Structure formats: structure tokens, C-alpha cells
Amino acid sequence: MNRPLVIEPEAAAELEDAVQWYESRRAGLGLEFARVVRVALAAVEREPLHFPEAEPGIRYAVLRRFPYASYFVLDAERVAVIAIFHHRRDPAQWQARR
């Protein structure tokens, strides 16, 4: 049984900020970033255990083409995306969201 994927508010805000930032750099690039995120999250929803752990209980999926990863946790009922995070940012920011 697939668990539904839920994007936590902090992750949704990071996604929106990144889409706007990329779109401000080049028309259509923000939409491409959003598409890449959707593809990655669809794979996470299908097979969450396929992805490696960043630390115990938190898994991640690296995005293609962009220097971002989505971080997520699993429980019995859902897959919760807790961060959509640029590789150069301080990981302590998403680690505090456990």
C-alpha cells in the first residue's frame, strides 16, 4: 500500500522560493525546477525505501539538474516532505524539523 505524500509547510515555502528565484533568472526555468521536483517526489511516493538515509529516520532524493534534494520522513500513514533544500545551505536548518 502506498502512503500518501504530504509536503510540510516549510518545504512548500522552500519550493515556492526556489521556483521564484529560478524564474527570475530565466523565464521558464522556475517551471522546469517545479517539474523536476514533481518527478522526484512521485518516485519518493512510489518507493520511499529506495532512497538513502541522510541520518536515521530521514531519507532524501537528489534532484536532477538542480543542486537541491528533498528530505522526507516516513510513518505508518504517510511520507512527509520536510525540506526541499539547496546543497550549500546549512543542513542544521532542515535537521531541526524532525
N, C-alpha and C. Protein backbone atom coordinates (compact mmCIF):
# COMPACT_ATOMS: atom_id res chain seq x y z
N MET A 1 0.83 -1.19 0.00
CA MET A 1 0.00 0.00 0.00
C MET A 1 0.88 1.25 0.00
N ASN A 2 0.63 2.13 -0.94
CA ASN A 2 1.38 3.39 -0.99
C ASN A 2 0.90 4.34 0.08
N ARG A 3 1.83 5.00 0.69
CA ARG A 3 1.50 6.04 1.66
C ARG A 3 1.39 7.36 0.92
N PRO A 4 0.39 8.17 1.24
CA PRO A 4 0.29 9.46 0.56
C PRO A 4 1.46 10.37 0.92
N LEU A 5 1.84 11.19 -0.04
CA LEU A 5 2.92 12.14 0.16
C LEU A 5 2.34 13.48 0.58
N VAL A 6 2.89 14.04 1.64
CA VAL A 6 2.46 15.33 2.17
C VAL A 6 3.67 16.25 2.20
N ILE A 7 3.51 17.46 1.71
CA ILE A 7 4.59 18.44 1.75
C ILE A 7 4.33 19.37 2.93
N GLU A 8 5.23 19.34 3.89
CA GLU A 8 5.09 20.19 5.08
C GLU A 8 5.22 21.66 4.69
N PRO A 9 4.62 22.56 5.47
CA PRO A 9 4.63 23.99 5.11
C PRO A 9 6.02 24.58 4.86
N GLU A 10 7.01 24.20 5.66
CA GLU A 10 8.36 24.74 5.46
C GLU A 10 8.92 24.31 4.11
N ALA A 11 8.68 23.06 3.74
CA ALA A 11 9.16 22.56 2.45
C ALA A 11 8.41 23.23 1.30
N ALA A 12 7.12 23.44 1.47
CA ALA A 12 6.34 24.12 0.43
C ALA A 12 6.85 25.54 0.22
N ALA A 13 7.20 26.22 1.30
CA ALA A 13 7.73 27.58 1.19
C ALA A 13 9.09 27.57 0.49
N GLU A 14 9.94 26.58 0.81
CA GLU A 14 11.24 26.48 0.13
C GLU A 14 11.06 26.22 -1.35
N LEU A 15 10.12 25.37 -1.69
CA LEU A 15 9.84 25.09 -3.10
C LEU A 15 9.39 26.35 -3.81
N GLU A 16 8.47 27.08 -3.24
CA GLU A 16 7.97 28.31 -3.87
C GLU A 16 9.08 29.34 -4.03
N ASP A 17 9.91 29.49 -3.00
CA ASP A 17 11.03 30.44 -3.08
C ASP A 17 11.99 30.06 -4.20
N ALA A 18 12.31 28.77 -4.31
CA ALA A 18 13.25 28.33 -5.34
C ALA A 18 12.65 28.50 -6.73
N VAL A 19 11.36 28.19 -6.89
CA VAL A 19 10.71 28.37 -8.19
C VAL A 19 10.78 29.84 -8.60
N GLN A 20 10.47 30.74 -7.68
CA GLN A 20 10.52 32.17 -7.99
C GLN A 20 11.93 32.63 -8.31
N TRP A 21 12.91 32.13 -7.55
CA TRP A 21 14.29 32.52 -7.80
C TRP A 21 14.74 32.08 -9.19
N TYR A 22 14.49 30.83 -9.54
CA TYR A 22 14.88 30.34 -10.87
C TYR A 22 14.12 31.06 -11.97
N GLU A 23 12.86 31.32 -11.76
CA GLU A 23 12.07 32.02 -12.78
C GLU A 23 12.60 33.44 -12.99
N SER A 24 13.10 34.07 -11.91
CA SER A 24 13.65 35.42 -12.05
C SER A 24 14.96 35.42 -12.83
N ARG A 25 15.63 34.28 -12.88
CA ARG A 25 16.88 34.17 -13.61
C ARG A 25 16.65 33.96 -15.10
N ARG A 26 15.61 33.17 -15.42
CA ARG A 26 15.28 32.91 -16.82
C ARG A 26 13.84 32.41 -16.91
N ALA A 27 13.08 33.00 -17.79
CA ALA A 27 11.68 32.61 -17.96
C ALA A 27 11.59 31.12 -18.27
N GLY A 28 10.76 30.43 -17.54
CA GLY A 28 10.56 29.00 -17.74
C GLY A 28 11.43 28.11 -16.87
N LEU A 29 12.51 28.66 -16.34
CA LEU A 29 13.42 27.84 -15.53
C LEU A 29 12.77 27.45 -14.20
N GLY A 30 11.99 28.35 -13.64
CA GLY A 30 11.28 28.03 -12.40
C GLY A 30 10.27 26.91 -12.62
N LEU A 31 9.60 26.93 -13.76
CA LEU A 31 8.66 25.86 -14.08
C LEU A 31 9.39 24.53 -14.28
N GLU A 32 10.57 24.58 -14.88
CA GLU A 32 11.38 23.37 -15.06
C GLU A 32 11.80 22.82 -13.70
N PHE A 33 12.21 23.70 -12.79
CA PHE A 33 12.57 23.26 -11.45
C PHE A 33 11.37 22.57 -10.78
N ALA A 34 10.20 23.18 -10.87
CA ALA A 34 9.00 22.59 -10.27
C ALA A 34 8.70 21.22 -10.87
N ARG A 35 8.91 21.07 -12.18
CA ARG A 35 8.68 19.78 -12.83
C ARG A 35 9.65 18.72 -12.30
N VAL A 36 10.92 19.09 -12.15
CA VAL A 36 11.92 18.16 -11.63
C VAL A 36 11.57 17.74 -10.21
N VAL A 37 11.09 18.67 -9.41
CA VAL A 37 10.67 18.35 -8.05
C VAL A 37 9.50 17.37 -8.09
N ARG A 38 8.51 17.62 -8.94
CA ARG A 38 7.35 16.72 -9.05
C ARG A 38 7.78 15.30 -9.42
N VAL A 39 8.70 15.18 -10.36
CA VAL A 39 9.19 13.87 -10.78
C VAL A 39 9.86 13.16 -9.60
N ALA A 40 10.72 13.87 -8.89
CA ALA A 40 11.42 13.28 -7.75
C ALA A 40 10.45 12.85 -6.67
N LEU A 41 9.46 13.70 -6.38
CA LEU A 41 8.51 13.37 -5.31
C LEU A 41 7.59 12.23 -5.71
N ALA A 42 7.29 12.10 -6.98
CA ALA A 42 6.49 10.96 -7.45
C ALA A 42 7.27 9.66 -7.21
N ALA A 43 8.57 9.68 -7.46
CA ALA A 43 9.40 8.50 -7.21
C ALA A 43 9.46 8.20 -5.71
N VAL A 44 9.56 9.24 -4.90
CA VAL A 44 9.57 9.07 -3.45
C VAL A 44 8.26 8.43 -2.99
N GLU A 45 7.16 8.92 -3.51
CA GLU A 45 5.86 8.38 -3.11
C GLU A 45 5.71 6.91 -3.51
N ARG A 46 6.21 6.56 -4.68
CA ARG A 46 6.12 5.16 -5.16
C ARG A 46 6.98 4.21 -4.33
N GLU A 47 8.23 4.61 -4.08
CA GLU A 47 9.18 3.72 -3.41
C GLU A 47 10.05 4.48 -2.41
N PRO A 48 9.49 4.92 -1.31
CA PRO A 48 10.27 5.74 -0.38
C PRO A 48 11.48 5.03 0.23
N LEU A 49 11.40 3.72 0.38
CA LEU A 49 12.53 2.99 0.98
C LEU A 49 13.69 2.80 0.01
N HIS A 50 13.49 3.15 -1.24
CA HIS A 50 14.55 3.07 -2.25
C HIS A 50 15.62 4.14 -2.02
N PHE A 51 15.28 5.20 -1.32
CA PHE A 51 16.18 6.35 -1.16
C PHE A 51 17.02 6.21 0.10
N PRO A 52 18.26 6.71 0.06
CA PRO A 52 19.16 6.56 1.20
C PRO A 52 18.77 7.48 2.37
N GLU A 53 19.28 7.11 3.52
CA GLU A 53 19.07 7.93 4.71
C GLU A 53 20.15 9.00 4.80
N ALA A 54 19.73 10.21 5.10
CA ALA A 54 20.67 11.30 5.38
C ALA A 54 21.15 11.16 6.82
N GLU A 55 20.25 10.71 7.65
CA GLU A 55 20.51 10.39 9.05
C GLU A 55 19.37 9.47 9.47
N PRO A 56 19.48 8.81 10.61
CA PRO A 56 18.43 7.85 10.97
C PRO A 56 17.02 8.47 10.92
N GLY A 57 16.16 7.84 10.15
CA GLY A 57 14.77 8.27 10.07
C GLY A 57 14.48 9.34 9.03
N ILE A 58 15.50 9.89 8.41
CA ILE A 58 15.29 10.93 7.39
C ILE A 58 15.98 10.49 6.09
N ARG A 59 15.20 10.38 5.05
CA ARG A 59 15.71 9.98 3.74
C ARG A 59 15.73 11.19 2.80
N TYR A 60 16.42 11.03 1.69
CA TYR A 60 16.50 12.15 0.75
C TYR A 60 16.54 11.65 -0.69
N ALA A 61 16.08 12.52 -1.57
CA ALA A 61 16.14 12.28 -3.02
C ALA A 61 16.82 13.48 -3.65
N VAL A 62 17.92 13.24 -4.35
CA VAL A 62 18.65 14.30 -5.04
C VAL A 62 17.91 14.64 -6.32
N LEU A 63 17.75 15.93 -6.59
CA LEU A 63 17.07 16.36 -7.80
C LEU A 63 18.03 16.34 -8.98
N ARG A 64 17.52 16.01 -10.12
CA ARG A 64 18.32 16.07 -11.35
C ARG A 64 18.46 17.53 -11.79
N ARG A 65 19.60 17.85 -12.29
CA ARG A 65 19.90 19.13 -12.92
C ARG A 65 20.05 20.31 -11.96
N PHE A 66 19.45 20.27 -10.80
CA PHE A 66 19.47 21.38 -9.86
C PHE A 66 20.17 20.93 -8.57
N PRO A 67 20.87 21.85 -7.89
CA PRO A 67 21.62 21.47 -6.69
C PRO A 67 20.74 21.43 -5.43
N TYR A 68 19.71 20.63 -5.50
CA TYR A 68 18.73 20.50 -4.41
C TYR A 68 18.48 19.04 -4.12
N ALA A 69 17.95 18.80 -2.91
CA ALA A 69 17.45 17.48 -2.53
C ALA A 69 16.17 17.68 -1.74
N SER A 70 15.31 16.69 -1.81
CA SER A 70 14.12 16.70 -0.95
C SER A 70 14.39 15.73 0.19
N TYR A 71 14.06 16.14 1.39
CA TYR A 71 14.25 15.33 2.59
C TYR A 71 12.87 14.95 3.10
N PHE A 72 12.73 13.69 3.51
CA PHE A 72 11.41 13.23 3.93
C PHE A 72 11.52 12.18 5.03
N VAL A 73 10.43 12.06 5.77
CA VAL A 73 10.32 11.06 6.83
C VAL A 73 9.11 10.18 6.52
N LEU A 74 9.18 8.96 7.00
CA LEU A 74 8.10 8.00 6.81
C LEU A 74 7.46 7.70 8.15
N ASP A 75 6.16 7.54 8.13
CA ASP A 75 5.50 6.93 9.27
C ASP A 75 4.50 5.92 8.72
N ALA A 76 3.72 5.33 9.55
CA ALA A 76 2.83 4.25 9.11
C ALA A 76 1.79 4.74 8.10
N GLU A 77 1.47 6.02 8.11
CA GLU A 77 0.37 6.52 7.30
C GLU A 77 0.76 7.42 6.14
N ARG A 78 1.98 7.98 6.16
CA ARG A 78 2.31 8.96 5.12
C ARG A 78 3.81 9.10 4.92
N VAL A 79 4.15 9.77 3.84
CA VAL A 79 5.51 10.22 3.56
C VAL A 79 5.46 11.74 3.68
N ALA A 80 6.20 12.29 4.61
CA ALA A 80 6.17 13.74 4.85
C ALA A 80 7.45 14.38 4.36
N VAL A 81 7.35 15.26 3.38
CA VAL A 81 8.49 16.02 2.88
C VAL A 81 8.73 17.17 3.85
N ILE A 82 9.90 17.16 4.47
CA ILE A 82 10.19 18.19 5.47
C ILE A 82 11.07 19.31 4.94
N ALA A 83 11.72 19.09 3.79
CA ALA A 83 12.58 20.13 3.24
C ALA A 83 12.82 19.89 1.75
N ILE A 84 12.94 20.98 1.02
CA ILE A 84 13.44 20.97 -0.35
C ILE A 84 14.57 21.97 -0.31
N PHE A 85 15.78 21.44 -0.27
CA PHE A 85 16.90 22.18 0.26
C PHE A 85 18.07 22.24 -0.70
N HIS A 86 18.64 23.43 -0.86
CA HIS A 86 19.84 23.64 -1.67
C HIS A 86 21.03 23.00 -0.97
N HIS A 87 21.90 22.36 -1.73
CA HIS A 87 23.04 21.64 -1.16
C HIS A 87 24.00 22.52 -0.37
N ARG A 88 24.06 23.80 -0.67
CA ARG A 88 25.04 24.67 0.01
C ARG A 88 24.49 25.33 1.27
N ARG A 89 23.23 25.12 1.56
CA ARG A 89 22.68 25.70 2.79
C ARG A 89 23.07 24.85 3.99
N ASP A 90 23.00 25.44 5.15
CA ASP A 90 23.34 24.75 6.39
C ASP A 90 22.30 23.67 6.70
N PRO A 91 22.71 22.40 6.73
CA PRO A 91 21.74 21.33 6.96
C PRO A 91 21.09 21.38 8.34
N ALA A 92 21.65 22.11 9.27
CA ALA A 92 21.04 22.23 10.59
C ALA A 92 19.62 22.82 10.48
N GLN A 93 19.36 23.58 9.42
CA GLN A 93 18.04 24.18 9.24
C GLN A 93 16.98 23.13 9.00
N TRP A 94 17.25 22.11 8.18
CA TRP A 94 16.25 21.07 7.98
C TRP A 94 16.32 20.01 9.06
N GLN A 95 17.47 19.81 9.65
CA GLN A 95 17.61 18.78 10.68
C GLN A 95 16.78 19.12 11.92
N ALA A 96 16.54 20.38 12.14
CA ALA A 96 15.75 20.80 13.29
C ALA A 96 14.25 20.52 13.11
N ARG A 97 13.85 20.11 11.92
CA ARG A 97 12.43 19.90 11.63
C ARG A 97 11.92 18.51 11.97
N ARG A 98 12.74 17.67 12.44
CA ARG A 98 12.35 16.29 12.75
C ARG A 98 11.11 16.19 13.52
